[in-house]
Amino acid sequence: MAYKFNDQERAAIEAARLQSPSGNRQDQVSANGNWVAFYTTLSTILGQHIAAGDLDTTDMTNFKNAKLWLDVATGANGGTGMHNAFIRTYTDNQGQLRRGSAFSEAEMQKASNGVALNLYLDITGRSGRSGIEPWTVPQIDQIADADASSIGLNLFGAGSTQPLSSTDDAITKNSAWSGALGFNLLGGSSPFESWRLLADGQELRDNSTLNTLDDFKNILYAVDSYDKALKAGYAQGGQDFAIYLATAWLTRGASVIATSIPSLAAQLNIQLSSGDYFGFIKDVAARTPAISSVVNVIAEVGANRFLDMLMGAVQGKSVMGTTTEANFATKAKTFFDAYGSTLQTIGVELLPSSPTSVSNYQFSSCLRTASLRKRHKTLKNALPRSAAHARRCPCAA
């Protein structure tokens, strides 16, 4: 049975909540104040139990995962430190890519306060969400839902000053949320929260697949945002940021070997200080095979060149070199916005890298390819085909 907070702990949590903004409904969330006292109190309680070792295996996993998340949430909600730099940089970049502008401090704080309120309501049993027993620590995927839903609602949805279409998956699946990729470091099980990057239409966690242009857009946006966020977090925290990443990497629901954290942190410090941010992103994405193949390509060629590859494939001509760091956000938004909701219906797959594999792949999938070319004729010239393939495959017609 899950550990339940005792009366003293409950009183401390409720007292800390009184130091936070009033209102227990999402439509009452505002940018006033913060929830740092609540987060700090809860983190302290969890830390005491972790140190005492008085939990069973399941609770120990939940407590460690939750505390790692709380350490990030506290900084982000308070607006200070390396975690704040990471979260807000990631989120701001998503705002630039999806709506054409970064978020104001008030917008960020409102969304962050909404995350904290969701967690408080879950812990105390006031949210009414099934699967969460009052006064227990939610599992990391339940915390993820509390986190992601506030970001989707308050930054991209009805609670935003500049809402996107109600069918946009930044709202319906919370694909713009930093945890869609970041939760690969915070425990749980594969696909962690990265399914949000792939879920089109009725797809959810257990049936989301990499198969549409929208999926490629979400992964590209996540990698670009994570890259910028890592740079901001490391610039703010330096070695302390590397230590946190190492701790998260080694914890993830398993027991931490204390002597391994300094060693891994030292390696990460060298990696990040050398500017190898994409290398770390590849390692994070590797925990979700469904997205890792695309992430690896983006890491190898860069976000700018990858966007040029996508645009060139659709337009049927080479546009390589036209996207730069300065115009990436504008070009990406213009390109993807042109397709609107059809992004989730345009089929796209990453072709094998070797010429032989490409030829065999195209022959075996000729009917699918022919269908795609009927819908997007320009793709016919964009997909490489060998002469042998052109002679024997009906999709070459």
Protein backbone atom coordinates (compact mmCIF):
# COMPACT_ATOMS: atom_id res chain seq x y z
CA MET A 1 0.00 0.00 0.00
CA ALA A 2 1.28 3.46 -0.91
CA TYR A 3 2.67 5.59 1.88
CA LYS A 4 0.19 8.16 3.22
CA PHE A 5 1.38 11.42 4.69
CA ASN A 6 0.86 11.52 8.44
CA ASP A 7 -1.09 14.24 10.24
CA GLN A 8 2.00 16.35 10.91
CA GLU A 9 3.06 16.17 7.28
CA ARG A 10 -0.42 17.00 6.05
CA ALA A 11 -0.55 20.03 8.32
CA ALA A 12 2.80 21.23 7.02
CA ILE A 13 1.65 20.85 3.41
CA GLU A 14 -1.59 22.71 4.06
CA ALA A 15 0.26 25.49 5.91
CA ALA A 16 2.63 25.89 2.97
CA ARG A 17 -0.31 25.97 0.58
CA LEU A 18 -1.71 28.99 2.48
CA GLN A 19 1.43 30.91 1.48
CA SER A 20 0.53 30.33 -2.18
CA PRO A 21 -2.00 32.18 -4.36
CA SER A 22 -5.64 31.59 -3.44
CA GLY A 23 -8.12 29.66 -5.56
CA ASN A 24 -8.50 25.92 -6.04
CA ARG A 25 -9.75 25.88 -9.64
CA GLN A 26 -7.79 26.23 -12.86
CA ASP A 27 -9.95 29.15 -13.94
CA GLN A 28 -8.81 30.95 -10.78
CA VAL A 29 -5.10 30.59 -11.52
CA SER A 30 -3.22 33.86 -11.88
CA ALA A 31 0.32 35.13 -12.24
CA ASN A 32 0.31 36.51 -8.70
CA GLY A 33 2.78 35.02 -6.23
CA ASN A 34 4.25 31.53 -6.42
CA TRP A 35 4.14 28.06 -4.86
CA VAL A 36 7.75 27.83 -3.74
CA ALA A 37 6.81 27.26 -0.08
CA PHE A 38 4.55 24.35 -1.06
CA TYR A 39 7.16 22.80 -3.32
CA THR A 40 9.95 23.22 -0.77
CA THR A 41 7.90 21.71 2.05
CA LEU A 42 6.91 18.73 -0.04
CA SER A 43 10.47 18.19 -1.27
CA THR A 44 11.78 18.30 2.29
CA ILE A 45 9.27 15.69 3.44
CA LEU A 46 10.14 13.38 0.55
CA GLY A 47 13.86 13.89 1.14
CA GLN A 48 13.54 12.91 4.80
CA HIS A 49 11.88 9.62 3.90
CA ILE A 50 14.40 8.89 1.16
CA ALA A 51 17.28 9.51 3.57
CA ALA A 52 15.67 7.39 6.30
CA GLY A 53 15.02 4.52 3.91
CA ASP A 54 11.66 3.84 5.57
CA LEU A 55 9.76 3.19 2.32
CA ASP A 56 9.03 0.08 0.32
CA THR A 57 10.50 -0.29 -3.16
CA THR A 58 7.53 1.22 -4.99
CA ASP A 59 7.28 4.24 -2.71
CA MET A 60 11.04 4.79 -2.81
CA THR A 61 10.87 4.95 -6.60
CA ASN A 62 7.92 7.35 -6.55
CA PHE A 63 9.54 9.57 -3.92
CA LYS A 64 12.86 9.78 -5.79
CA ASN A 65 11.19 10.53 -9.11
CA ALA A 66 8.91 13.13 -7.54
CA LYS A 67 11.77 14.83 -5.71
CA LEU A 68 13.81 15.13 -8.90
CA TRP A 69 10.81 16.79 -10.52
CA LEU A 70 10.21 19.02 -7.49
CA ASP A 71 13.78 20.31 -7.61
CA VAL A 72 13.14 21.53 -11.15
CA ALA A 73 9.62 22.80 -10.47
CA THR A 74 10.72 24.82 -7.44
CA GLY A 75 13.28 26.80 -9.43
CA ALA A 76 10.97 27.27 -12.39
CA ASN A 77 8.09 28.45 -10.22
CA GLY A 78 10.32 30.78 -8.23
CA GLY A 79 11.80 32.25 -11.39
CA THR A 80 15.40 31.74 -10.34
CA GLY A 81 18.33 29.40 -10.92
CA MET A 82 19.42 26.88 -13.49
CA HIS A 83 16.18 24.91 -13.60
CA ASN A 84 14.23 28.07 -14.23
CA ALA A 85 16.63 28.95 -17.05
CA PHE A 86 16.15 25.51 -18.58
CA ILE A 87 12.36 25.31 -18.34
CA ARG A 88 11.60 28.86 -19.40
CA THR A 89 14.08 28.79 -22.30
CA TYR A 90 12.54 25.55 -23.61
CA THR A 91 9.02 26.92 -23.24
CA ASP A 92 9.84 30.32 -24.74
CA ASN A 93 11.37 28.64 -27.77
CA GLN A 94 8.22 26.56 -28.26
CA GLY A 95 6.24 29.79 -28.12
CA GLN A 96 8.40 31.30 -30.84
CA LEU A 97 8.02 28.23 -33.02
CA ARG A 98 4.31 27.62 -32.56
CA ARG A 99 2.72 31.03 -32.09
CA GLY A 100 5.47 33.37 -33.34
CA SER A 101 6.37 34.99 -30.02
CA ALA A 102 7.90 34.22 -26.65
CA PHE A 103 5.80 34.35 -23.49
CA SER A 104 5.58 37.22 -21.04
CA GLU A 105 6.68 36.72 -17.45
CA ALA A 106 3.03 36.86 -16.40
CA GLU A 107 2.05 34.12 -18.86
CA MET A 108 4.91 31.90 -17.68
CA GLN A 109 4.07 32.43 -14.01
CA LYS A 110 0.39 31.73 -14.50
CA ALA A 111 1.13 28.43 -16.23
CA SER A 112 3.70 27.49 -13.57
CA ASN A 113 1.24 28.28 -10.78
CA GLY A 114 -1.31 26.11 -12.54
CA VAL A 115 1.11 23.18 -12.49
CA ALA A 116 1.56 23.55 -8.72
CA LEU A 117 -2.17 23.82 -8.12
CA ASN A 118 -2.77 20.62 -10.10
CA LEU A 119 -0.23 18.76 -7.98
CA TYR A 120 -1.70 20.08 -4.73
CA LEU A 121 -5.20 19.05 -5.76
CA ASP A 122 -3.95 15.57 -6.71
CA ILE A 123 -2.05 15.04 -3.46
CA THR A 124 -4.91 16.17 -1.25
CA GLY A 125 -7.53 14.24 -3.21
CA ARG A 126 -9.38 17.35 -4.33
CA SER A 127 -8.78 16.84 -8.07
CA GLY A 128 -11.01 13.79 -8.27
CA ARG A 129 -8.64 12.13 -10.73
CA SER A 130 -8.90 8.36 -10.69
CA GLY A 131 -5.89 6.29 -9.71
CA ILE A 132 -4.55 8.78 -7.15
CA GLU A 133 -5.27 8.03 -3.50
CA PRO A 134 -5.54 11.14 -1.31
CA TRP A 135 -2.41 12.07 0.65
CA THR A 136 -0.09 9.81 -1.30
CA VAL A 137 2.69 10.74 -3.74
CA PRO A 138 1.45 10.47 -7.33
CA GLN A 139 3.43 8.35 -9.76
CA ILE A 140 5.68 10.25 -12.15
CA ASP A 141 3.33 9.83 -15.12
CA GLN A 142 0.50 11.28 -13.01
CA ILE A 143 2.71 14.22 -12.06
CA ALA A 144 3.46 14.59 -15.77
CA ASP A 145 -0.25 14.95 -16.56
CA ALA A 146 -0.62 17.61 -13.86
CA ASP A 147 2.38 19.47 -15.28
CA ALA A 148 1.62 19.15 -18.99
CA SER A 149 -2.07 20.01 -18.81
CA SER A 150 -1.43 23.42 -17.26
CA ILE A 151 1.16 24.28 -19.91
CA GLY A 152 -1.19 23.25 -22.70
CA LEU A 153 -4.14 25.15 -21.23
CA ASN A 154 -2.47 28.35 -20.05
CA LEU A 155 0.19 28.88 -22.71
CA PHE A 156 -1.34 27.42 -25.85
CA GLY A 157 -5.03 26.83 -25.09
CA ALA A 158 -8.06 28.66 -23.76
CA GLY A 159 -6.14 30.17 -20.85
CA SER A 160 -3.59 31.77 -23.17
CA THR A 161 -3.54 35.35 -24.42
CA GLN A 162 -2.76 33.98 -27.89
CA PRO A 163 -4.44 30.55 -28.15
CA LEU A 164 -3.72 28.11 -30.96
CA SER A 165 -6.40 26.10 -32.75
CA SER A 166 -8.26 23.87 -30.30
CA THR A 167 -7.22 20.83 -32.39
CA ASP A 168 -3.49 21.63 -32.18
CA ASP A 169 -1.65 18.84 -30.37
CA ALA A 170 0.16 21.43 -28.26
CA ILE A 171 -3.24 21.57 -26.54
CA THR A 172 -4.76 18.12 -27.09
CA LYS A 173 -1.58 16.13 -26.36
CA ASN A 174 0.66 18.83 -24.78
CA SER A 175 3.38 18.26 -27.36
CA ALA A 176 5.00 21.66 -26.65
CA TRP A 177 5.58 20.85 -22.98
CA SER A 178 9.24 20.54 -21.91
CA GLY A 179 8.58 17.20 -20.25
CA ALA A 180 7.68 15.56 -23.56
CA LEU A 181 11.40 14.95 -23.94
CA GLY A 182 12.68 15.94 -20.49
CA PHE A 183 10.76 13.23 -18.62
CA ASN A 184 13.03 10.63 -20.19
CA LEU A 185 15.29 11.52 -17.24
CA LEU A 186 12.64 11.45 -14.55
CA GLY A 187 11.64 7.82 -14.24
CA GLY A 188 8.57 5.96 -15.35
CA SER A 189 8.66 3.56 -18.27
CA SER A 190 9.17 3.85 -22.03
CA PRO A 191 7.89 5.77 -23.94
CA PHE A 192 7.88 8.05 -20.87
CA GLU A 193 6.17 11.25 -22.07
CA SER A 194 7.65 11.37 -25.57
CA TRP A 195 4.49 9.75 -26.91
CA ARG A 196 3.08 13.30 -26.85
CA LEU A 197 5.38 14.14 -29.77
CA LEU A 198 3.92 11.33 -31.87
CA ALA A 199 0.24 11.15 -30.92
CA ASP A 200 -2.00 12.15 -33.85
CA GLY A 201 -5.78 12.15 -33.73
CA GLN A 202 -6.95 9.38 -31.42
CA GLU A 203 -3.45 8.04 -30.75
CA LEU A 204 -2.41 7.96 -27.10
CA ARG A 205 0.52 6.68 -25.05
CA ASP A 206 0.32 3.02 -26.02
CA ASN A 207 -0.40 3.35 -29.75
CA SER A 208 1.43 6.48 -30.90
CA THR A 209 3.78 5.94 -33.84
CA LEU A 210 6.25 7.96 -35.91
CA ASN A 211 4.40 8.29 -39.21
CA THR A 212 3.27 11.86 -39.98
CA LEU A 213 4.76 15.24 -40.84
CA ASP A 214 3.33 16.50 -37.55
CA ASP A 215 5.43 13.94 -35.68
CA PHE A 216 8.58 15.19 -37.41
CA LYS A 217 7.62 18.78 -36.60
CA ASN A 218 7.14 18.00 -32.91
CA ILE A 219 10.43 16.13 -32.63
CA LEU A 220 12.32 18.89 -34.45
CA TYR A 221 10.77 21.53 -32.18
CA ALA A 222 11.56 19.45 -29.08
CA VAL A 223 15.20 18.92 -30.04
CA ASP A 224 15.72 22.58 -30.96
CA SER A 225 14.10 23.70 -27.70
CA TYR A 226 16.00 21.16 -25.59
CA ASP A 227 19.28 22.26 -27.18
CA LYS A 228 18.66 25.90 -26.29
CA ALA A 229 17.41 24.95 -22.81
CA LEU A 230 20.50 22.86 -22.06
CA LYS A 231 22.72 25.78 -23.02
CA ALA A 232 20.74 28.14 -20.78
CA GLY A 233 20.68 25.71 -17.84
CA TYR A 234 24.39 24.98 -18.08
CA ALA A 235 25.26 28.66 -18.48
CA GLN A 236 23.38 29.34 -15.24
CA GLY A 237 24.39 26.32 -13.18
CA GLY A 238 27.64 25.00 -14.65
CA GLN A 239 28.87 21.97 -12.74
CA ASP A 240 25.78 21.98 -10.48
CA PHE A 241 23.64 21.53 -13.58
CA ALA A 242 25.81 18.61 -14.68
CA ILE A 243 25.45 17.06 -11.21
CA TYR A 244 21.66 17.30 -11.41
CA LEU A 245 21.61 15.67 -14.84
CA ALA A 246 23.89 12.89 -13.57
CA THR A 247 21.68 12.32 -10.53
CA ALA A 248 18.56 12.14 -12.68
CA TRP A 249 20.31 9.83 -15.14
CA LEU A 250 21.38 7.36 -12.46
CA THR A 251 18.25 7.51 -10.33
CA ARG A 252 15.33 6.92 -12.71
CA GLY A 253 13.62 4.59 -10.29
CA ALA A 254 16.72 2.50 -9.55
CA SER A 255 19.06 2.74 -6.59
CA VAL A 256 21.71 5.40 -6.93
CA ILE A 257 25.36 4.41 -6.64
CA ALA A 258 26.63 7.53 -4.92
CA THR A 259 30.20 7.19 -6.17
CA SER A 260 28.95 7.10 -9.77
CA ILE A 261 27.27 10.51 -9.63
CA PRO A 262 30.48 12.57 -9.37
CA SER A 263 32.08 10.49 -12.10
CA LEU A 264 29.17 10.88 -14.51
CA ALA A 265 28.77 14.56 -13.58
CA ALA A 266 32.41 15.14 -14.45
CA GLN A 267 31.90 13.50 -17.84
CA LEU A 268 28.76 15.54 -18.50
CA ASN A 269 30.55 18.71 -17.42
CA ILE A 270 33.23 18.06 -20.02
CA GLN A 271 30.63 17.22 -22.68
CA LEU A 272 28.51 20.32 -22.07
CA SER A 273 31.43 22.70 -21.61
CA SER A 274 32.74 21.59 -24.99
CA GLY A 275 29.39 22.47 -26.59
CA ASP A 276 28.31 18.89 -27.29
CA TYR A 277 24.68 19.44 -26.36
CA PHE A 278 23.32 17.32 -29.19
CA GLY A 279 25.34 14.37 -27.91
CA PHE A 280 23.50 14.52 -24.60
CA ILE A 281 20.15 14.94 -26.33
CA LYS A 282 20.82 11.79 -28.37
CA ASP A 283 21.47 9.89 -25.13
CA VAL A 284 18.23 11.17 -23.60
CA ALA A 285 16.20 10.30 -26.70
CA ALA A 286 17.80 6.84 -26.91
CA ARG A 287 15.54 5.81 -24.04
CA THR A 288 12.60 6.14 -26.43
CA PRO A 289 13.43 4.17 -29.59
CA ALA A 290 10.31 5.48 -31.35
CA ILE A 291 11.84 8.97 -31.65
CA SER A 292 15.58 8.27 -31.39
CA SER A 293 16.14 7.65 -35.10
CA VAL A 294 14.89 11.13 -36.01
CA VAL A 295 16.66 12.76 -33.07
CA ASN A 296 19.92 11.15 -34.19
CA VAL A 297 19.58 12.62 -37.67
CA ILE A 298 18.79 16.09 -36.29
CA ALA A 299 21.79 15.82 -33.97
CA GLU A 300 24.04 14.84 -36.85
CA VAL A 301 22.98 17.49 -39.38
CA GLY A 302 21.60 20.21 -37.11
CA ALA A 303 18.09 21.63 -36.78
CA ASN A 304 18.56 24.15 -39.61
CA ARG A 305 19.68 21.57 -42.14
CA PHE A 306 17.01 19.08 -41.04
CA LEU A 307 14.31 21.68 -41.66
CA ASP A 308 15.80 22.30 -45.12
CA MET A 309 15.66 18.56 -45.77
CA LEU A 310 11.95 18.43 -44.85
CA MET A 311 11.07 21.51 -46.90
CA GLY A 312 13.06 20.25 -49.87
CA ALA A 313 11.32 16.87 -49.79
CA VAL A 314 7.90 18.49 -49.86
CA GLN A 315 8.75 21.18 -52.39
CA GLY A 316 10.62 18.81 -54.68
CA LYS A 317 13.76 20.92 -54.91
CA SER A 318 16.90 21.54 -52.90
CA VAL A 319 16.66 24.37 -50.39
CA MET A 320 19.73 23.31 -48.43
CA GLY A 321 21.50 26.19 -46.73
CA THR A 322 18.53 28.56 -46.75
CA THR A 323 17.71 28.11 -43.05
CA THR A 324 19.94 29.77 -40.49
CA GLU A 325 19.86 30.21 -36.72
CA ALA A 326 18.44 33.69 -37.28
CA ASN A 327 15.50 32.64 -39.47
CA PHE A 328 14.86 29.09 -38.22
CA ALA A 329 11.80 29.92 -36.10
CA THR A 330 10.16 32.02 -38.84
CA LYS A 331 10.82 29.52 -41.64
CA ALA A 332 9.70 26.56 -39.54
CA LYS A 333 6.45 28.21 -38.48
CA THR A 334 5.68 29.37 -42.02
CA PHE A 335 6.37 25.92 -43.47
CA PHE A 336 4.38 23.86 -40.98
CA ASP A 337 1.53 26.36 -40.58
CA ALA A 338 0.84 26.13 -44.31
CA TYR A 339 -0.46 22.58 -43.78
CA GLY A 340 -2.69 23.36 -40.81
CA SER A 341 -4.48 20.33 -39.39
CA THR A 342 -3.44 18.18 -42.38
CA LEU A 343 -0.01 17.83 -40.77
CA GLN A 344 -1.48 14.95 -38.79
CA THR A 345 -2.61 13.14 -41.94
CA ILE A 346 0.44 13.57 -44.20
CA GLY A 347 2.41 10.34 -43.98
CA VAL A 348 6.18 10.64 -43.62
CA GLU A 349 8.86 8.05 -42.87
CA LEU A 350 12.59 8.28 -42.39
CA LEU A 351 14.29 6.35 -45.20
CA PRO A 352 17.24 3.99 -44.57
CA SER A 353 20.64 5.59 -45.04
CA SER A 354 22.39 3.17 -47.44
CA PRO A 355 21.56 3.25 -51.21
CA THR A 356 20.79 -0.49 -51.30
CA SER A 357 18.48 -0.24 -48.31
CA VAL A 358 16.73 2.74 -49.83
CA SER A 359 16.10 0.85 -53.08
CA ASN A 360 14.78 -2.25 -51.31
CA TYR A 361 12.70 -0.15 -48.95
CA GLN A 362 11.09 1.79 -51.77
CA PHE A 363 10.29 -1.32 -53.80
CA SER A 364 8.62 -3.01 -50.81
CA SER A 365 6.59 0.13 -50.04
CA CYS A 366 5.79 1.21 -53.60
CA LEU A 367 2.05 1.28 -53.13
CA ARG A 368 2.31 3.49 -50.06
CA THR A 369 4.78 5.74 -51.88
CA ALA A 370 2.50 6.00 -54.92
CA SER A 371 -0.35 7.05 -52.68
CA LEU A 372 1.79 9.72 -51.07
CA ARG A 373 2.88 11.04 -54.44
CA LYS A 374 -0.69 11.38 -55.62
CA ARG A 375 -1.36 13.62 -52.62
CA HIS A 376 1.97 15.44 -52.77
CA LYS A 377 3.32 15.14 -56.31
CA THR A 378 6.47 17.07 -55.48
CA LEU A 379 7.64 14.26 -53.23
CA LYS A 380 8.20 12.13 -56.35
CA ASN A 381 11.34 14.02 -57.26
CA ALA A 382 12.44 14.47 -53.66
CA LEU A 383 12.76 10.78 -52.81
CA PRO A 384 16.02 9.27 -54.13
CA ARG A 385 15.60 6.21 -56.35
CA SER A 386 18.15 4.02 -58.00
CA ALA A 387 17.86 3.28 -61.76
CA ALA A 388 17.15 -0.36 -60.94
CA HIS A 389 14.37 0.65 -58.61
CA ALA A 390 12.88 2.97 -61.21
CA ARG A 391 12.75 0.16 -63.77
CA ARG A 392 11.08 -2.41 -61.55
CA CYS A 393 8.81 -0.46 -59.21
CA PRO A 394 5.33 0.76 -60.22
CA CYS A 395 5.61 3.76 -57.90
CA ALA A 396 8.23 5.23 -60.27
CA ALA A 397 5.58 5.81 -62.89
